[in-house]
Amino acid sequence: MKTAALCDAARILGKFYTEVLPRVLGVDQPDGGHGTRTRTVLSTVGPVEITRAYVVDGDGQRSFPLDDAIGLVGGCTPAAAGLACWAGAQSASYDLAGAALSRLAGLAVPGRRVQRLVNLCAQDAAAWAAKRKREDHDGGILNIQADMTGIPMRKEDLVGIPGKNGDPKKRQVKGGIVFRQEANGQGEVQRVPWSTTRAVSFDDVTSFSGMLFNEAVIRGYHAADTVVFTADGAEWIWLMVKDRFEGAVEIV
């Protein structure tokens, strides 16, 4: 019944995209139109067929005004792309993300497609995260953590990367998290649900520390009663703390 309902919803949505939305957006008869083409787009209710007008510029390049107006990403509606990226961020692998989308949303999205969508959306998402407004907090505890690990990568992605003993097999990636803690009704200090945000970078310590500090400032670094920095004993981390987060309670 769910599958049948999604198929009906996809047909209705395709009809809306083809017949109604172009007129609403004023792209049903674009200047320089040369005809129409039909394509299949992944939406949150499944694959949808859309027929839309296209134009050809002076260089012979074809474009589709409706696709641009909708904001299609990698052959997906923005909502479907966002859902796939969310699944990719929450899962241990892109294949598991695809399996979760299939089981929970009824969408057949292979792991490789999830990976492509994440790559397409990652830069825009990172830019948005870095520029968002400061949160309005007063008091409480702001907890910051950082670490570094190595990620196995293909040879073409390791060009110019030094290895410990010969050719490199992994690339170093630095990661940090910022979350808030507050006392509950019983006076117990607990992490505020859904308050964790992350900063991840392949860059050097200077660039990463700036990214992590910016995230901490957005999360209320200067308004917190207490700032706590927790990490292992890596020297680079505590040099970063001394440089960027001096005065924080340090926990190894």
C-alpha atoms as a PDB file:
ATOM      1  CA  MET A   1       0.000   0.000   0.000  1.00  0.00           C
ATOM      2  CA  LYS A   2       2.858   2.364   0.801  1.00  0.00           C
ATOM      3  CA  THR A   3       4.544   1.676  -2.537  1.00  0.00           C
ATOM      4  CA  ALA A   4       1.296   2.208  -4.422  1.00  0.00           C
ATOM      5  CA  ALA A   5       0.629   5.452  -2.559  1.00  0.00           C
ATOM      6  CA  LEU A   6       4.134   6.740  -3.365  1.00  0.00           C
ATOM      7  CA  CYS A   7       3.675   5.869  -7.050  1.00  0.00           C
ATOM      8  CA  ASP A   8       0.425   7.835  -7.149  1.00  0.00           C
ATOM      9  CA  ALA A   9       2.080  10.754  -5.353  1.00  0.00           C
ATOM     10  CA  ALA A  10       4.961  10.696  -7.861  1.00  0.00           C
ATOM     11  CA  ARG A  11       2.556  10.829 -10.809  1.00  0.00           C
ATOM     12  CA  ILE A  12       0.678  13.758  -9.258  1.00  0.00           C
ATOM     13  CA  LEU A  13       3.914  15.583  -8.487  1.00  0.00           C
ATOM     14  CA  GLY A  14       5.213  15.025 -12.009  1.00  0.00           C
ATOM     15  CA  LYS A  15       1.994  16.463 -13.431  1.00  0.00           C
ATOM     16  CA  PHE A  16       2.311  19.469 -11.130  1.00  0.00           C
ATOM     17  CA  TYR A  17       5.942  20.085 -12.141  1.00  0.00           C
ATOM     18  CA  THR A  18       5.097  19.729 -15.843  1.00  0.00           C
ATOM     19  CA  GLU A  19       1.781  21.549 -16.145  1.00  0.00           C
ATOM     20  CA  VAL A  20       1.342  23.910 -13.198  1.00  0.00           C
ATOM     21  CA  LEU A  21       4.682  25.015 -11.775  1.00  0.00           C
ATOM     22  CA  PRO A  22       6.185  26.318 -15.059  1.00  0.00           C
ATOM     23  CA  ARG A  23       3.224  28.685 -15.492  1.00  0.00           C
ATOM     24  CA  VAL A  24       3.452  29.825 -11.872  1.00  0.00           C
ATOM     25  CA  LEU A  25       7.180  30.533 -12.246  1.00  0.00           C
ATOM     26  CA  GLY A  26       6.832  32.044 -15.706  1.00  0.00           C
ATOM     27  CA  VAL A  27       9.147  29.544 -17.424  1.00  0.00           C
ATOM     28  CA  ASP A  28       6.574  27.628 -19.459  1.00  0.00           C
ATOM     29  CA  GLN A  29       7.421  29.582 -22.619  1.00  0.00           C
ATOM     30  CA  PRO A  30      10.919  31.011 -22.086  1.00  0.00           C
ATOM     31  CA  ASP A  31      12.504  33.398 -24.561  1.00  0.00           C
ATOM     32  CA  GLY A  32      14.552  31.456 -27.063  1.00  0.00           C
ATOM     33  CA  GLY A  33      12.687  28.236 -26.375  1.00  0.00           C
ATOM     34  CA  HIS A  34      13.525  25.388 -28.725  1.00  0.00           C
ATOM     35  CA  GLY A  35      11.165  22.672 -27.516  1.00  0.00           C
ATOM     36  CA  THR A  36      10.816  20.376 -24.524  1.00  0.00           C
ATOM     37  CA  ARG A  37      12.633  17.446 -23.000  1.00  0.00           C
ATOM     38  CA  THR A  38      11.544  14.891 -20.416  1.00  0.00           C
ATOM     39  CA  ARG A  39      13.774  13.693 -17.602  1.00  0.00           C
ATOM     40  CA  THR A  40      13.363  11.597 -14.467  1.00  0.00           C
ATOM     41  CA  VAL A  41      14.083  13.381 -11.197  1.00  0.00           C
ATOM     42  CA  LEU A  42      14.314  11.839  -7.742  1.00  0.00           C
ATOM     43  CA  SER A  43      11.892  13.407  -5.282  1.00  0.00           C
ATOM     44  CA  THR A  44      10.995  12.490  -1.696  1.00  0.00           C
ATOM     45  CA  VAL A  45       8.114  10.386  -3.046  1.00  0.00           C
ATOM     46  CA  GLY A  46      10.271   8.576  -5.610  1.00  0.00           C
ATOM     47  CA  PRO A  47      11.239   9.062  -9.274  1.00  0.00           C
ATOM     48  CA  VAL A  48       9.203  11.756 -11.028  1.00  0.00           C
ATOM     49  CA  GLU A  49       9.041  12.418 -14.782  1.00  0.00           C
ATOM     50  CA  ILE A  50       9.201  16.107 -15.685  1.00  0.00           C
ATOM     51  CA  THR A  51       8.704  17.585 -19.141  1.00  0.00           C
ATOM     52  CA  ARG A  52      10.063  21.114 -19.430  1.00  0.00           C
ATOM     53  CA  ALA A  53      11.088  23.685 -21.999  1.00  0.00           C
ATOM     54  CA  TYR A  54      14.712  24.352 -22.880  1.00  0.00           C
ATOM     55  CA  VAL A  55      16.578  27.259 -24.428  1.00  0.00           C
ATOM     56  CA  VAL A  56      19.785  27.450 -26.447  1.00  0.00           C
ATOM     57  CA  ASP A  57      22.213  30.329 -25.998  1.00  0.00           C
ATOM     58  CA  GLY A  58      24.512  31.915 -28.581  1.00  0.00           C
ATOM     59  CA  ASP A  59      27.202  29.281 -27.948  1.00  0.00           C
ATOM     60  CA  GLY A  60      24.784  26.443 -28.568  1.00  0.00           C
ATOM     61  CA  GLN A  61      24.571  25.520 -24.877  1.00  0.00           C
ATOM     62  CA  ARG A  62      21.240  24.078 -23.790  1.00  0.00           C
ATOM     63  CA  SER A  63      19.663  25.053 -20.466  1.00  0.00           C
ATOM     64  CA  PHE A  64      16.386  24.333 -18.698  1.00  0.00           C
ATOM     65  CA  PRO A  65      14.859  27.308 -16.836  1.00  0.00           C
ATOM     66  CA  LEU A  66      12.513  25.107 -14.790  1.00  0.00           C
ATOM     67  CA  ASP A  67      15.416  22.978 -13.503  1.00  0.00           C
ATOM     68  CA  ASP A  68      17.180  26.134 -12.338  1.00  0.00           C
ATOM     69  CA  ALA A  69      14.009  27.535 -10.774  1.00  0.00           C
ATOM     70  CA  ILE A  70      13.353  24.342  -8.825  1.00  0.00           C
ATOM     71  CA  GLY A  71      17.000  24.094  -7.763  1.00  0.00           C
ATOM     72  CA  LEU A  72      17.656  20.528  -8.879  1.00  0.00           C
ATOM     73  CA  VAL A  73      20.821  18.995  -7.422  1.00  0.00           C
ATOM     74  CA  GLY A  74      22.372  15.978  -9.093  1.00  0.00           C
ATOM     75  CA  GLY A  75      19.059  14.955 -10.622  1.00  0.00           C
ATOM     76  CA  CYS A  76      17.210  15.359  -7.307  1.00  0.00           C
ATOM     77  CA  THR A  77      14.769  17.879  -5.903  1.00  0.00           C
ATOM     78  CA  PRO A  78      16.291  19.968  -3.086  1.00  0.00           C
ATOM     79  CA  ALA A  79      14.247  18.036  -0.521  1.00  0.00           C
ATOM     80  CA  ALA A  80      15.417  14.654  -1.822  1.00  0.00           C
ATOM     81  CA  ALA A  81      19.042  15.816  -1.993  1.00  0.00           C
ATOM     82  CA  GLY A  82      18.794  17.117   1.569  1.00  0.00           C
ATOM     83  CA  LEU A  83      17.346  13.827   2.769  1.00  0.00           C
ATOM     84  CA  ALA A  84      20.101  11.818   1.071  1.00  0.00           C
ATOM     85  CA  CYS A  85      22.824  14.071   2.504  1.00  0.00           C
ATOM     86  CA  TRP A  86      21.308  13.804   5.973  1.00  0.00           C
ATOM     87  CA  ALA A  87      21.296  10.005   5.696  1.00  0.00           C
ATOM     88  CA  GLY A  88      24.906  10.081   4.493  1.00  0.00           C
ATOM     89  CA  ALA A  89      25.953  12.208   7.474  1.00  0.00           C
ATOM     90  CA  GLN A  90      24.157  10.004   9.997  1.00  0.00           C
ATOM     91  CA  SER A  91      25.282   6.609   8.696  1.00  0.00           C
ATOM     92  CA  ALA A  92      28.558   4.737   9.064  1.00  0.00           C
ATOM     93  CA  SER A  93      28.855   4.344   5.280  1.00  0.00           C
ATOM     94  CA  TYR A  94      27.161   5.584   2.132  1.00  0.00           C
ATOM     95  CA  ASP A  95      25.866   2.075   1.424  1.00  0.00           C
ATOM     96  CA  LEU A  96      24.167   2.033   4.831  1.00  0.00           C
ATOM     97  CA  ALA A  97      22.740   5.465   4.055  1.00  0.00           C
ATOM     98  CA  GLY A  98      21.241   4.079   0.846  1.00  0.00           C
ATOM     99  CA  ALA A  99      19.792   1.121   2.752  1.00  0.00           C
ATOM    100  CA  ALA A 100      18.267   3.473   5.336  1.00  0.00           C
ATOM    101  CA  LEU A 101      16.648   5.581   2.605  1.00  0.00           C
ATOM    102  CA  SER A 102      15.188   2.435   1.082  1.00  0.00           C
ATOM    103  CA  ARG A 103      13.799   1.063   4.340  1.00  0.00           C
ATOM    104  CA  LEU A 104      12.585   4.294   5.913  1.00  0.00           C
ATOM    105  CA  ALA A 105      11.606   6.458   2.939  1.00  0.00           C
ATOM    106  CA  GLY A 106      11.019   3.916   0.182  1.00  0.00           C
ATOM    107  CA  LEU A 107      13.663   5.566  -2.017  1.00  0.00           C
ATOM    108  CA  ALA A 108      16.064   3.458  -4.073  1.00  0.00           C
ATOM    109  CA  VAL A 109      19.289   5.461  -3.762  1.00  0.00           C
ATOM    110  CA  PRO A 110      22.561   3.513  -4.149  1.00  0.00           C
ATOM    111  CA  GLY A 111      25.416   4.406  -1.826  1.00  0.00           C
ATOM    112  CA  ARG A 112      27.443   5.860  -4.700  1.00  0.00           C
ATOM    113  CA  ARG A 113      24.671   8.307  -5.499  1.00  0.00           C
ATOM    114  CA  VAL A 114      24.479   9.363  -1.862  1.00  0.00           C
ATOM    115  CA  GLN A 115      28.222  10.033  -1.995  1.00  0.00           C
ATOM    116  CA  ARG A 116      27.901  12.109  -5.174  1.00  0.00           C
ATOM    117  CA  LEU A 117      25.106  14.182  -3.635  1.00  0.00           C
ATOM    118  CA  VAL A 118      27.136  14.775  -0.469  1.00  0.00           C
ATOM    119  CA  ASN A 119      30.068  15.952  -2.594  1.00  0.00           C
ATOM    120  CA  LEU A 120      27.801  18.273  -4.586  1.00  0.00           C
ATOM    121  CA  CYS A 121      26.207  19.839  -1.516  1.00  0.00           C
ATOM    122  CA  ALA A 122      29.144  19.834   0.909  1.00  0.00           C
ATOM    123  CA  GLN A 123      30.773  23.131  -0.076  1.00  0.00           C
ATOM    124  CA  ASP A 124      27.505  25.075  -0.016  1.00  0.00           C
ATOM    125  CA  ALA A 125      26.591  23.521   3.336  1.00  0.00           C
ATOM    126  CA  ALA A 126      30.003  24.356   4.830  1.00  0.00           C
ATOM    127  CA  ALA A 127      29.761  27.956   3.615  1.00  0.00           C
ATOM    128  CA  TRP A 128      26.283  28.292   5.110  1.00  0.00           C
ATOM    129  CA  ALA A 129      27.435  26.808   8.431  1.00  0.00           C
ATOM    130  CA  ALA A 130      30.377  29.196   8.680  1.00  0.00           C
ATOM    131  CA  LYS A 131      28.262  32.298   7.954  1.00  0.00           C
ATOM    132  CA  ARG A 132      25.206  31.577  10.088  1.00  0.00           C
ATOM    133  CA  LYS A 133      24.314  33.958  12.909  1.00  0.00           C
ATOM    134  CA  ARG A 134      25.486  33.569  16.494  1.00  0.00           C
ATOM    135  CA  GLU A 135      23.180  31.667  18.772  1.00  0.00           C
ATOM    136  CA  ASP A 136      21.552  33.587  21.601  1.00  0.00           C
ATOM    137  CA  HIS A 137      22.809  31.850  24.764  1.00  0.00           C
ATOM    138  CA  ASP A 138      23.562  33.187  28.211  1.00  0.00           C
ATOM    139  CA  GLY A 139      25.541  31.074  30.668  1.00  0.00           C
ATOM    140  CA  GLY A 140      25.782  27.313  30.739  1.00  0.00           C
ATOM    141  CA  ILE A 141      28.739  25.166  29.748  1.00  0.00           C
ATOM    142  CA  LEU A 142      30.215  25.034  26.261  1.00  0.00           C
ATOM    143  CA  ASN A 143      32.164  21.845  25.632  1.00  0.00           C
ATOM    144  CA  ILE A 144      34.709  21.608  22.810  1.00  0.00           C
ATOM    145  CA  GLN A 145      36.561  18.483  21.708  1.00  0.00           C
ATOM    146  CA  ALA A 146      39.102  17.764  18.979  1.00  0.00           C
ATOM    147  CA  ASP A 147      41.095  14.885  17.544  1.00  0.00           C
ATOM    148  CA  MET A 148      42.904  13.765  14.414  1.00  0.00           C
ATOM    149  CA  THR A 149      42.848  10.494  12.497  1.00  0.00           C
ATOM    150  CA  GLY A 150      43.802   9.058   9.128  1.00  0.00           C
ATOM    151  CA  ILE A 151      41.389   8.220   6.313  1.00  0.00           C
ATOM    152  CA  PRO A 152      42.326   5.579   3.690  1.00  0.00           C
ATOM    153  CA  MET A 153      42.201   7.189   0.261  1.00  0.00           C
ATOM    154  CA  ARG A 154      42.899   6.359  -3.378  1.00  0.00           C
ATOM    155  CA  LYS A 155      46.343   7.033  -4.829  1.00  0.00           C
ATOM    156  CA  GLU A 156      45.133   9.942  -6.954  1.00  0.00           C
ATOM    157  CA  ASP A 157      43.841  11.636  -3.789  1.00  0.00           C
ATOM    158  CA  LEU A 158      47.192  11.251  -2.021  1.00  0.00           C
ATOM    159  CA  VAL A 159      49.411  13.026  -4.552  1.00  0.00           C
ATOM    160  CA  GLY A 160      51.759  15.333  -2.654  1.00  0.00           C
ATOM    161  CA  ILE A 161      50.793  13.908   0.749  1.00  0.00           C
ATOM    162  CA  PRO A 162      53.826  12.706   2.773  1.00  0.00           C
ATOM    163  CA  GLY A 163      53.741   9.197   4.249  1.00  0.00           C
ATOM    164  CA  LYS A 164      55.260   7.938   7.496  1.00  0.00           C
ATOM    165  CA  ASN A 165      57.149   5.059   5.936  1.00  0.00           C
ATOM    166  CA  GLY A 166      57.179   5.389   2.170  1.00  0.00           C
ATOM    167  CA  ASP A 167      54.100   5.954   0.076  1.00  0.00           C
ATOM    168  CA  PRO A 168      51.113   7.303   2.019  1.00  0.00           C
ATOM    169  CA  LYS A 169      48.050   5.117   2.477  1.00  0.00           C
ATOM    170  CA  LYS A 170      45.966   7.614   4.429  1.00  0.00           C
ATOM    171  CA  ARG A 171      45.377  11.337   4.705  1.00  0.00           C
ATOM    172  CA  GLN A 172      45.167  13.150   8.005  1.00  0.00           C
ATOM    173  CA  VAL A 173      41.818  14.691   8.878  1.00  0.00           C
ATOM    174  CA  LYS A 174      41.139  16.885  11.902  1.00  0.00           C
ATOM    175  CA  GLY A 175      37.756  16.933  13.564  1.00  0.00           C
ATOM    176  CA  GLY A 176      36.154  18.889  16.361  1.00  0.00           C
ATOM    177  CA  ILE A 177      32.756  19.077  18.014  1.00  0.00           C
ATOM    178  CA  VAL A 178      31.032  21.777  20.008  1.00  0.00           C
ATOM    179  CA  PHE A 179      28.065  21.119  22.276  1.00  0.00           C
ATOM    180  CA  ARG A 180      26.261  22.750  25.178  1.00  0.00           C
ATOM    181  CA  GLN A 181      25.666  21.403  28.663  1.00  0.00           C
ATOM    182  CA  GLU A 182      23.106  22.565  31.207  1.00  0.00           C
ATOM    183  CA  ALA A 183      21.793  21.357  34.565  1.00  0.00           C
ATOM    184  CA  ASN A 184      18.490  19.477  34.544  1.00  0.00           C
ATOM    185  CA  GLY A 185      15.773  19.662  37.187  1.00  0.00           C
ATOM    186  CA  GLN A 186      17.800  17.434  39.510  1.00  0.00           C
ATOM    187  CA  GLY A 187      20.913  19.578  39.180  1.00  0.00           C
ATOM    188  CA  GLU A 188      22.713  17.031  36.975  1.00  0.00           C
ATOM    189  CA  VAL A 189      24.835  18.534  34.205  1.00  0.00           C
ATOM    190  CA  GLN A 190      23.881  16.935  30.893  1.00  0.00           C
ATOM    191  CA  ARG A 191      24.456  17.526  27.215  1.00  0.00           C
ATOM    192  CA  VAL A 192      21.678  19.587  25.659  1.00  0.00           C
ATOM    193  CA  PRO A 193      19.951  17.288  23.113  1.00  0.00           C
ATOM    194  CA  TRP A 194      20.678  18.061  19.467  1.00  0.00           C
ATOM    195  CA  SER A 195      23.198  20.736  20.445  1.00  0.00           C
ATOM    196  CA  THR A 196      26.263  19.102  18.847  1.00  0.00           C
ATOM    197  CA  THR A 197      27.820  20.647  15.741  1.00  0.00           C
ATOM    198  CA  ARG A 198      31.027  19.632  14.000  1.00  0.00           C
ATOM    199  CA  ALA A 199      34.065  21.077  12.266  1.00  0.00           C
ATOM    200  CA  VAL A 200      36.097  18.776  10.007  1.00  0.00           C
ATOM    201  CA  SER A 201      39.042  19.682   7.798  1.00  0.00           C
ATOM    202  CA  PHE A 202      41.995  18.291   5.841  1.00  0.00           C
ATOM    203  CA  ASP A 203      43.760  21.638   6.293  1.00  0.00           C
ATOM    204  CA  ASP A 204      46.664  22.438   8.599  1.00  0.00           C
ATOM    205  CA  VAL A 205      46.278  23.154  12.315  1.00  0.00           C
ATOM    206  CA  THR A 206      46.103  26.926  11.826  1.00  0.00           C
ATOM    207  CA  SER A 207      43.161  26.727   9.426  1.00  0.00           C
ATOM    208  CA  PHE A 208      41.403  24.029  11.452  1.00  0.00           C
ATOM    209  CA  SER A 209      41.794  25.931  14.727  1.00  0.00           C
ATOM    210  CA  GLY A 210      40.239  28.996  13.106  1.00  0.00           C
ATOM    211  CA  MET A 211      37.316  26.914  11.871  1.00  0.00           C
ATOM    212  CA  LEU A 212      36.764  25.338  15.306  1.00  0.00           C
ATOM    213  CA  PHE A 213      37.022  28.696  17.080  1.00  0.00           C
ATOM    214  CA  ASN A 214      34.505  30.219  14.665  1.00  0.00           C
ATOM    215  CA  GLU A 215      32.096  27.382  15.401  1.00  0.00           C
ATOM    216  CA  ALA A 216      32.574  27.880  19.150  1.00  0.00           C
ATOM    217  CA  VAL A 217      31.865  31.624  18.819  1.00  0.00           C
ATOM    218  CA  ILE A 218      28.665  30.903  16.873  1.00  0.00           C
ATOM    219  CA  ARG A 219      27.628  28.454  19.597  1.00  0.00           C
ATOM    220  CA  GLY A 220      28.034  30.998  22.432  1.00  0.00           C
ATOM    221  CA  TYR A 221      31.716  30.834  23.373  1.00  0.00           C
ATOM    222  CA  HIS A 222      31.852  34.348  24.835  1.00  0.00           C
ATOM    223  CA  ALA A 223      28.555  34.076  26.725  1.00  0.00           C
ATOM    224  CA  ALA A 224      29.151  30.689  28.406  1.00  0.00           C
ATOM    225  CA  ASP A 225      29.787  30.534  32.154  1.00  0.00           C
ATOM    226  CA  THR A 226      32.359  27.798  31.547  1.00  0.00           C
ATOM    227  CA  VAL A 227      34.227  26.556  28.482  1.00  0.00           C
ATOM    228  CA  VAL A 228      35.598  23.010  28.653  1.00  0.00           C
ATOM    229  CA  PHE A 229      38.083  21.568  26.166  1.00  0.00           C
ATOM    230  CA  THR A 230      38.480  17.781  26.139  1.00  0.00           C
ATOM    231  CA  ALA A 231      41.031  15.872  24.053  1.00  0.00           C
ATOM    232  CA  ASP A 232      43.764  13.266  24.191  1.00  0.00           C
ATOM    233  CA  GLY A 233      47.389  14.157  24.900  1.00  0.00           C
ATOM    234  CA  ALA A 234      48.374  15.209  21.374  1.00  0.00           C
ATOM    235  CA  GLU A 235      50.699  18.208  21.625  1.00  0.00           C
ATOM    236  CA  TRP A 236      49.215  20.017  18.615  1.00  0.00           C
ATOM    237  CA  ILE A 237      45.790  20.098  20.277  1.00  0.00           C
ATOM    238  CA  TRP A 238      46.973  21.727  23.496  1.00  0.00           C
ATOM    239  CA  LEU A 239      49.088  24.239  21.598  1.00  0.00           C
ATOM    240  CA  MET A 240      45.893  25.074  19.697  1.00  0.00           C
ATOM    241  CA  VAL A 241      43.988  25.405  22.974  1.00  0.00           C
ATOM    242  CA  LYS A 242      46.635  27.770  24.361  1.00  0.00           C
ATOM    243  CA  ASP A 243      46.475  29.857  21.210  1.00  0.00           C
ATOM    244  CA  ARG A 244      42.715  29.903  20.577  1.00  0.00           C
ATOM    245  CA  PHE A 245      40.905  28.818  23.757  1.00  0.00           C
ATOM    246  CA  GLU A 246      43.043  30.081  26.614  1.00  0.00           C
ATOM    247  CA  GLY A 247      41.129  30.020  29.881  1.00  0.00           C
ATOM    248  CA  ALA A 248      39.104  26.917  29.036  1.00  0.00           C
ATOM    249  CA  VAL A 249      38.950  24.097  31.583  1.00  0.00           C
ATOM    250  CA  GLU A 250      41.316  21.501  30.098  1.00  0.00           C
ATOM    251  CA  ILE A 251      40.509  17.784  30.386  1.00  0.00           C
ATOM    252  CA  VAL A 252      42.797  15.101  28.971  1.00  0.00           C
END
